[in-house]
């Protein structure tokens, strides 16, 4: 279910990124890359942050939590 939510939010971000790339009279340079738009940048940065936090929590749970449970005072 989490992967489905990531894909759905990615679709929403890329569709809103397409809106940012449409050229207009106010912004003639808007027809550039979709990966340079704010919604897509925020989505990619959040994916990177979630991936780093997931790997860090996995590492800590595998190597440091057993040490904490082994040395309890009771």
PDB file of N, CA and C in Angstrom:
ATOM      1  N   UNK A   1       0.816  -1.188   0.000  1.00  0.00           N
ATOM      2  CA  UNK A   1       0.000   0.000   0.000  1.00  0.00           C
ATOM      3  C   UNK A   1       0.866   1.261   0.000  1.00  0.00           C
ATOM      4  N   UNK A   2       2.001   1.214   0.665  1.00  0.00           N
ATOM      5  CA  UNK A   2       2.867   2.380   0.704  1.00  0.00           C
ATOM      6  C   UNK A   2       3.427   2.695  -0.684  1.00  0.00           C
ATOM      7  N   UNK A   3       3.745   1.643  -1.432  1.00  0.00           N
ATOM      8  CA  UNK A   3       4.254   1.852  -2.792  1.00  0.00           C
ATOM      9  C   UNK A   3       3.180   2.455  -3.687  1.00  0.00           C
ATOM     10  N   UNK A   4       1.934   2.029  -3.503  1.00  0.00           N
ATOM     11  CA  UNK A   4       0.835   2.617  -4.277  1.00  0.00           C
ATOM     12  C   UNK A   4       0.672   4.101  -3.965  1.00  0.00           C
ATOM     13  N   UNK A   5       0.810   4.466  -2.704  1.00  0.00           N
ATOM     14  CA  UNK A   5       0.690   5.872  -2.325  1.00  0.00           C
ATOM     15  C   UNK A   5       1.840   6.701  -2.887  1.00  0.00           C
ATOM     16  N   UNK A   6       3.053   6.124  -2.918  1.00  0.00           N
ATOM     17  CA  UNK A   6       4.183   6.836  -3.514  1.00  0.00           C
ATOM     18  C   UNK A   6       3.975   7.049  -5.007  1.00  0.00           C
ATOM     19  N   UNK A   7       3.468   6.033  -5.680  1.00  0.00           N
ATOM     20  CA  UNK A   7       3.211   6.156  -7.124  1.00  0.00           C
ATOM     21  C   UNK A   7       2.114   7.178  -7.385  1.00  0.00           C
ATOM     22  N   UNK A   8       1.053   7.150  -6.594  1.00  0.00           N
ATOM     23  CA  UNK A   8      -0.035   8.108  -6.766  1.00  0.00           C
ATOM     24  C   UNK A   8       0.441   9.542  -6.514  1.00  0.00           C
ATOM     25  N   UNK A   9       1.222   9.739  -5.464  1.00  0.00           N
ATOM     26  CA  UNK A   9       1.731  11.094  -5.208  1.00  0.00           C
ATOM     27  C   UNK A   9       2.717  11.522  -6.289  1.00  0.00           C
ATOM     28  N   UNK A  10       3.476  10.573  -6.834  1.00  0.00           N
ATOM     29  CA  UNK A  10       4.368  10.899  -7.949  1.00  0.00           C
ATOM     30  C   UNK A  10       3.596  11.332  -9.179  1.00  0.00           C
ATOM     31  N   UNK A  11       2.491  10.671  -9.459  1.00  0.00           N
ATOM     32  CA  UNK A  11       1.657  11.063 -10.600  1.00  0.00           C
ATOM     33  C   UNK A  11       1.092  12.468 -10.410  1.00  0.00           C
ATOM     34  N   UNK A  12       0.633  12.749  -9.209  1.00  0.00           N
ATOM     35  CA  UNK A  12       0.091  14.083  -8.933  1.00  0.00           C
ATOM     36  C   UNK A  12       1.182  15.143  -9.082  1.00  0.00           C
ATOM     37  N   UNK A  13       2.375  14.863  -8.572  1.00  0.00           N
ATOM     38  CA  UNK A  13       3.467  15.834  -8.677  1.00  0.00           C
ATOM     39  C   UNK A  13       3.896  16.047 -10.116  1.00  0.00           C
ATOM     40  N   UNK A  14       3.959  14.981 -10.908  1.00  0.00           N
ATOM     41  CA  UNK A  14       4.361  15.146 -12.300  1.00  0.00           C
ATOM     42  C   UNK A  14       3.287  15.862 -13.113  1.00  0.00           C
ATOM     43  N   UNK A  15       2.028  15.625 -12.802  1.00  0.00           N
ATOM     44  CA  UNK A  15       0.966  16.348 -13.508  1.00  0.00           C
ATOM     45  C   UNK A  15       1.008  17.830 -13.141  1.00  0.00           C
ATOM     46  N   UNK A  16       1.209  18.133 -11.853  1.00  0.00           N
ATOM     47  CA  UNK A  16       1.316  19.548 -11.477  1.00  0.00           C
ATOM     48  C   UNK A  16       2.600  20.156 -12.014  1.00  0.00           C
ATOM     49  N   UNK A  17       3.637  19.346 -12.193  1.00  0.00           N
ATOM     50  CA  UNK A  17       4.855  19.842 -12.828  1.00  0.00           C
ATOM     51  C   UNK A  17       4.630  20.206 -14.284  1.00  0.00           C
ATOM     52  N   UNK A  18       3.735  19.484 -14.952  1.00  0.00           N
ATOM     53  CA  UNK A  18       3.395  19.828 -16.333  1.00  0.00           C
ATOM     54  C   UNK A  18       2.734  21.199 -16.417  1.00  0.00           C
ATOM     55  N   UNK A  19       1.927  21.532 -15.403  1.00  0.00           N
ATOM     56  CA  UNK A  19       1.294  22.849 -15.375  1.00  0.00           C
ATOM     57  C   UNK A  19       2.358  23.938 -15.286  1.00  0.00           C
ATOM     58  N   UNK A  20       3.419  23.684 -14.524  1.00  0.00           N
ATOM     59  CA  UNK A  20       4.489  24.662 -14.381  1.00  0.00           C
ATOM     60  C   UNK A  20       5.310  24.814 -15.655  1.00  0.00           C
ATOM     61  N   UNK A  21       5.310  23.808 -16.523  1.00  0.00           N
ATOM     62  CA  UNK A  21       6.128  23.889 -17.732  1.00  0.00           C
ATOM     63  C   UNK A  21       5.416  24.541 -18.908  1.00  0.00           C
ATOM     64  N   UNK A  22       4.128  24.787 -18.800  1.00  0.00           N
ATOM     65  CA  UNK A  22       3.424  25.439 -19.908  1.00  0.00           C
ATOM     66  C   UNK A  22       3.911  26.869 -20.063  1.00  0.00           C
ATOM     67  N   UNK A  23       4.357  27.248 -21.251  1.00  0.00           N
ATOM     68  CA  UNK A  23       4.785  28.639 -21.440  1.00  0.00           C
ATOM     69  C   UNK A  23       3.588  29.586 -21.412  1.00  0.00           C
ATOM     70  N   UNK A  24       3.815  30.760 -20.869  1.00  0.00           N
ATOM     71  CA  UNK A  24       2.768  31.776 -20.816  1.00  0.00           C
ATOM     72  C   UNK A  24       3.386  33.124 -21.156  1.00  0.00           C
ATOM     73  N   UNK A  25       2.547  34.142 -21.264  1.00  0.00           N
ATOM     74  CA  UNK A  25       3.046  35.481 -21.567  1.00  0.00           C
ATOM     75  C   UNK A  25       3.871  36.029 -20.407  1.00  0.00           C
ATOM     76  N   UNK A  26       3.526  35.650 -19.190  1.00  0.00           N
ATOM     77  CA  UNK A  26       4.259  36.142 -18.018  1.00  0.00           C
ATOM     78  C   UNK A  26       5.597  35.441 -17.855  1.00  0.00           C
ATOM     79  N   UNK A  27       5.696  34.180 -18.288  1.00  0.00           N
ATOM     80  CA  UNK A  27       6.921  33.425 -18.116  1.00  0.00           C
ATOM     81  C   UNK A  27       7.236  32.664 -19.407  1.00  0.00           C
ATOM     82  N   UNK A  28       7.937  33.292 -20.363  1.00  0.00           N
ATOM     83  CA  UNK A  28       8.202  32.619 -21.639  1.00  0.00           C
ATOM     84  C   UNK A  28       9.207  31.482 -21.530  1.00  0.00           C
ATOM     85  N   UNK A  29      10.007  31.433 -20.463  1.00  0.00           N
ATOM     86  CA  UNK A  29      10.994  30.367 -20.309  1.00  0.00           C
ATOM     87  C   UNK A  29      10.419  29.148 -19.596  1.00  0.00           C
ATOM     88  N   UNK A  30       9.138  29.083 -19.416  1.00  0.00           N
ATOM     89  CA  UNK A  30       8.528  28.009 -18.633  1.00  0.00           C
ATOM     90  C   UNK A  30       8.548  26.672 -19.346  1.00  0.00           C
ATOM     91  N   UNK A  31       8.735  26.609 -20.626  1.00  0.00           N
ATOM     92  CA  UNK A  31       8.701  25.345 -21.358  1.00  0.00           C
ATOM     93  C   UNK A  31       9.995  24.563 -21.275  1.00  0.00           C
ATOM     94  N   UNK A  32      10.591  24.470 -20.123  1.00  0.00           N
ATOM     95  CA  UNK A  32      11.859  23.769 -19.954  1.00  0.00           C
ATOM     96  C   UNK A  32      11.624  22.349 -19.438  1.00  0.00           C
ATOM     97  N   UNK A  33      12.531  21.826 -18.695  1.00  0.00           N
ATOM     98  CA  UNK A  33      12.450  20.452 -18.203  1.00  0.00           C
ATOM     99  C   UNK A  33      11.453  20.325 -17.055  1.00  0.00           C
ATOM    100  N   UNK A  34      10.731  19.212 -17.044  1.00  0.00           N
ATOM    101  CA  UNK A  34       9.755  18.986 -15.975  1.00  0.00           C
ATOM    102  C   UNK A  34      10.451  18.711 -14.640  1.00  0.00           C
ATOM    103  N   UNK A  35      11.695  18.235 -14.682  1.00  0.00           N
ATOM    104  CA  UNK A  35      12.413  17.924 -13.448  1.00  0.00           C
ATOM    105  C   UNK A  35      12.935  19.170 -12.742  1.00  0.00           C
ATOM    106  N   UNK A  36      12.820  20.325 -13.365  1.00  0.00           N
ATOM    107  CA  UNK A  36      13.247  21.570 -12.736  1.00  0.00           C
ATOM    108  C   UNK A  36      12.086  22.337 -12.118  1.00  0.00           C
ATOM    109  N   UNK A  37      10.902  21.753 -12.113  1.00  0.00           N
ATOM    110  CA  UNK A  37       9.741  22.414 -11.514  1.00  0.00           C
ATOM    111  C   UNK A  37       9.696  22.117 -10.017  1.00  0.00           C
ATOM    112  N   UNK A  38       9.056  22.996  -9.265  1.00  0.00           N
ATOM    113  CA  UNK A  38       9.012  22.874  -7.820  1.00  0.00           C
ATOM    114  C   UNK A  38       8.313  21.603  -7.330  1.00  0.00           C
ATOM    115  N   UNK A  39       7.144  21.228  -7.851  1.00  0.00           N
ATOM    116  CA  UNK A  39       6.499  20.015  -7.327  1.00  0.00           C
ATOM    117  C   UNK A  39       7.327  18.746  -7.527  1.00  0.00           C
ATOM    118  N   UNK A  40       7.968  18.643  -8.672  1.00  0.00           N
ATOM    119  CA  UNK A  40       8.766  17.445  -8.950  1.00  0.00           C
ATOM    120  C   UNK A  40      10.031  17.453  -8.095  1.00  0.00           C
ATOM    121  N   UNK A  41      10.660  18.612  -7.915  1.00  0.00           N
ATOM    122  CA  UNK A  41      11.835  18.694  -7.045  1.00  0.00           C
ATOM    123  C   UNK A  41      11.484  18.309  -5.617  1.00  0.00           C
ATOM    124  N   UNK A  42      10.358  18.805  -5.125  1.00  0.00           N
ATOM    125  CA  UNK A  42       9.943  18.466  -3.762  1.00  0.00           C
ATOM    126  C   UNK A  42       9.669  16.974  -3.629  1.00  0.00           C
ATOM    127  N   UNK A  43       9.055  16.376  -4.627  1.00  0.00           N
ATOM    128  CA  UNK A  43       8.766  14.944  -4.595  1.00  0.00           C
ATOM    129  C   UNK A  43      10.062  14.135  -4.589  1.00  0.00           C
ATOM    130  N   UNK A  44      11.000  14.487  -5.445  1.00  0.00           N
ATOM    131  CA  UNK A  44      12.248  13.732  -5.514  1.00  0.00           C
ATOM    132  C   UNK A  44      13.084  13.908  -4.249  1.00  0.00           C
ATOM    133  N   UNK A  45      13.142  15.125  -3.704  1.00  0.00           N
ATOM    134  CA  UNK A  45      13.874  15.348  -2.458  1.00  0.00           C
ATOM    135  C   UNK A  45      13.227  14.600  -1.297  1.00  0.00           C
ATOM    136  N   UNK A  46      11.913  14.551  -1.261  1.00  0.00           N
ATOM    137  CA  UNK A  46      11.249  13.820  -0.174  1.00  0.00           C
ATOM    138  C   UNK A  46      11.480  12.318  -0.314  1.00  0.00           C
ATOM    139  N   UNK A  47      11.498  11.799  -1.549  1.00  0.00           N
ATOM    140  CA  UNK A  47      11.817  10.385  -1.745  1.00  0.00           C
ATOM    141  C   UNK A  47      13.234  10.076  -1.268  1.00  0.00           C
ATOM    142  N   UNK A  48      14.160  10.952  -1.574  1.00  0.00           N
ATOM    143  CA  UNK A  48      15.533  10.764  -1.135  1.00  0.00           C
ATOM    144  C   UNK A  48      15.616  10.797   0.395  1.00  0.00           C
ATOM    145  N   UNK A  49      14.945  11.745   1.014  1.00  0.00           N
ATOM    146  CA  UNK A  49      14.959  11.840   2.469  1.00  0.00           C
ATOM    147  C   UNK A  49      14.333  10.626   3.126  1.00  0.00           C
ATOM    148  N   UNK A  50      13.207  10.159   2.591  1.00  0.00           N
ATOM    149  CA  UNK A  50      12.563   8.968   3.160  1.00  0.00           C
ATOM    150  C   UNK A  50      13.445   7.730   2.983  1.00  0.00           C
ATOM    151  N   UNK A  51      14.123   7.640   1.862  1.00  0.00           N
ATOM    152  CA  UNK A  51      15.020   6.504   1.642  1.00  0.00           C
ATOM    153  C   UNK A  51      16.189   6.500   2.616  1.00  0.00           C
ATOM    154  N   UNK A  52      16.771   7.667   2.852  1.00  0.00           N
ATOM    155  CA  UNK A  52      17.882   7.765   3.805  1.00  0.00           C
ATOM    156  C   UNK A  52      17.407   7.428   5.219  1.00  0.00           C
ATOM    157  N   UNK A  53      16.266   7.967   5.621  1.00  0.00           N
ATOM    158  CA  UNK A  53      15.747   7.663   6.955  1.00  0.00           C
ATOM    159  C   UNK A  53      15.391   6.185   7.106  1.00  0.00           C
ATOM    160  N   UNK A  54      14.859   5.563   6.054  1.00  0.00           N
ATOM    161  CA  UNK A  54      14.540   4.136   6.104  1.00  0.00           C
ATOM    162  C   UNK A  54      15.803   3.307   6.279  1.00  0.00           C
ATOM    163  N   UNK A  55      16.835   3.604   5.494  1.00  0.00           N
ATOM    164  CA  UNK A  55      18.082   2.843   5.613  1.00  0.00           C
ATOM    165  C   UNK A  55      18.741   3.063   6.970  1.00  0.00           C
ATOM    166  N   UNK A  56      18.695   4.280   7.483  1.00  0.00           N
ATOM    167  CA  UNK A  56      19.264   4.565   8.796  1.00  0.00           C
ATOM    168  C   UNK A  56      18.519   3.818   9.900  1.00  0.00           C
ATOM    169  N   UNK A  57      17.205   3.805   9.839  1.00  0.00           N
ATOM    170  CA  UNK A  57      16.435   3.085  10.855  1.00  0.00           C
ATOM    171  C   UNK A  57      16.653   1.582  10.759  1.00  0.00           C
ATOM    172  N   UNK A  58      16.794   1.071   9.557  1.00  0.00           N
ATOM    173  CA  UNK A  58      17.057  -0.349   9.370  1.00  0.00           C
ATOM    174  C   UNK A  58      18.415  -0.721   9.973  1.00  0.00           C
ATOM    175  N   UNK A  59      19.413   0.119   9.717  1.00  0.00           N
ATOM    176  CA  UNK A  59      20.752  -0.119  10.264  1.00  0.00           C
ATOM    177  C   UNK A  59      20.738  -0.059  11.792  1.00  0.00           C
ATOM    178  N   UNK A  60      20.097   0.947  12.352  1.00  0.00           N
ATOM    179  CA  UNK A  60      20.048   1.082  13.802  1.00  0.00           C
ATOM    180  C   UNK A  60      19.282  -0.066  14.447  1.00  0.00           C
ATOM    181  N   UNK A  61      18.197  -0.499  13.826  1.00  0.00           N
ATOM    182  CA  UNK A  61      17.415  -1.602  14.379  1.00  0.00           C
ATOM    183  C   UNK A  61      18.189  -2.917  14.329  1.00  0.00           C
ATOM    184  N   UNK A  62      19.024  -3.088  13.324  1.00  0.00           N
ATOM    185  CA  UNK A  62      19.752  -4.344  13.183  1.00  0.00           C
ATOM    186  C   UNK A  62      20.978  -4.410  14.083  1.00  0.00           C
ATOM    187  N   UNK A  63      21.646  -3.280  14.333  1.00  0.00           N
ATOM    188  CA  UNK A  63      22.925  -3.333  15.034  1.00  0.00           C
ATOM    189  C   UNK A  63      22.918  -2.722  16.435  1.00  0.00           C
ATOM    190  N   UNK A  64      22.041  -1.759  16.716  1.00  0.00           N
ATOM    191  CA  UNK A  64      22.104  -1.096  18.015  1.00  0.00           C
ATOM    192  C   UNK A  64      20.961  -1.439  18.959  1.00  0.00           C
ATOM    193  N   UNK A  65      19.802  -1.745  18.470  1.00  0.00           N
ATOM    194  CA  UNK A  65      18.686  -2.096  19.348  1.00  0.00           C
ATOM    195  C   UNK A  65      18.958  -3.402  20.100  1.00  0.00           C
ATOM    196  N   UNK A  66      19.535  -4.432  19.481  1.00  0.00           N
ATOM    197  CA  UNK A  66      19.858  -5.628  20.281  1.00  0.00           C
ATOM    198  C   UNK A  66      20.839  -5.346  21.415  1.00  0.00           C
ATOM    199  N   UNK A  67      21.744  -4.393  21.239  1.00  0.00           N
ATOM    200  CA  UNK A  67      22.665  -4.032  22.318  1.00  0.00           C
ATOM    201  C   UNK A  67      21.927  -3.365  23.470  1.00  0.00           C
ATOM    202  N   UNK A  68      20.936  -2.572  23.152  1.00  0.00           N
ATOM    203  CA  UNK A  68      20.149  -1.924  24.197  1.00  0.00           C
ATOM    204  C   UNK A  68      19.348  -2.942  24.996  1.00  0.00           C
ATOM    205  N   UNK A  69      18.773  -3.926  24.315  1.00  0.00           N
ATOM    206  CA  UNK A  69      17.954  -4.913  25.011  1.00  0.00           C
ATOM    207  C   UNK A  69      18.809  -5.859  25.848  1.00  0.00           C
ATOM    208  N   UNK A  70      20.047  -6.094  25.441  1.00  0.00           N
ATOM    209  CA  UNK A  70      20.899  -7.035  26.154  1.00  0.00           C
ATOM    210  C   UNK A  70      21.373  -6.462  27.495  1.00  0.00           C
ATOM    211  N   UNK A  71      21.560  -5.149  27.579  1.00  0.00           N
ATOM    212  CA  UNK A  71      22.135  -4.536  28.761  1.00  0.00           C
ATOM    213  C   UNK A  71      21.090  -3.795  29.600  1.00  0.00           C
ATOM    214  N   UNK A  72      19.922  -4.340  29.741  1.00  0.00           N
ATOM    215  CA  UNK A  72      18.884  -3.730  30.575  1.00  0.00           C
ATOM    216  C   UNK A  72      19.163  -4.059  32.048  1.00  0.00           C
ATOM    217  N   UNK A  73      18.811  -3.164  32.975  1.00  0.00           N
ATOM    218  CA  UNK A  73      19.135  -3.392  34.391  1.00  0.00           C
ATOM    219  C   UNK A  73      18.321  -4.503  35.049  1.00  0.00           C
ATOM    220  N   UNK A  74      17.220  -4.936  34.492  1.00  0.00           N
ATOM    221  CA  UNK A  74      16.442  -5.988  35.153  1.00  0.00           C
ATOM    222  C   UNK A  74      16.881  -7.289  34.632  1.00  0.00           C
TER     223      UNK A  74
END
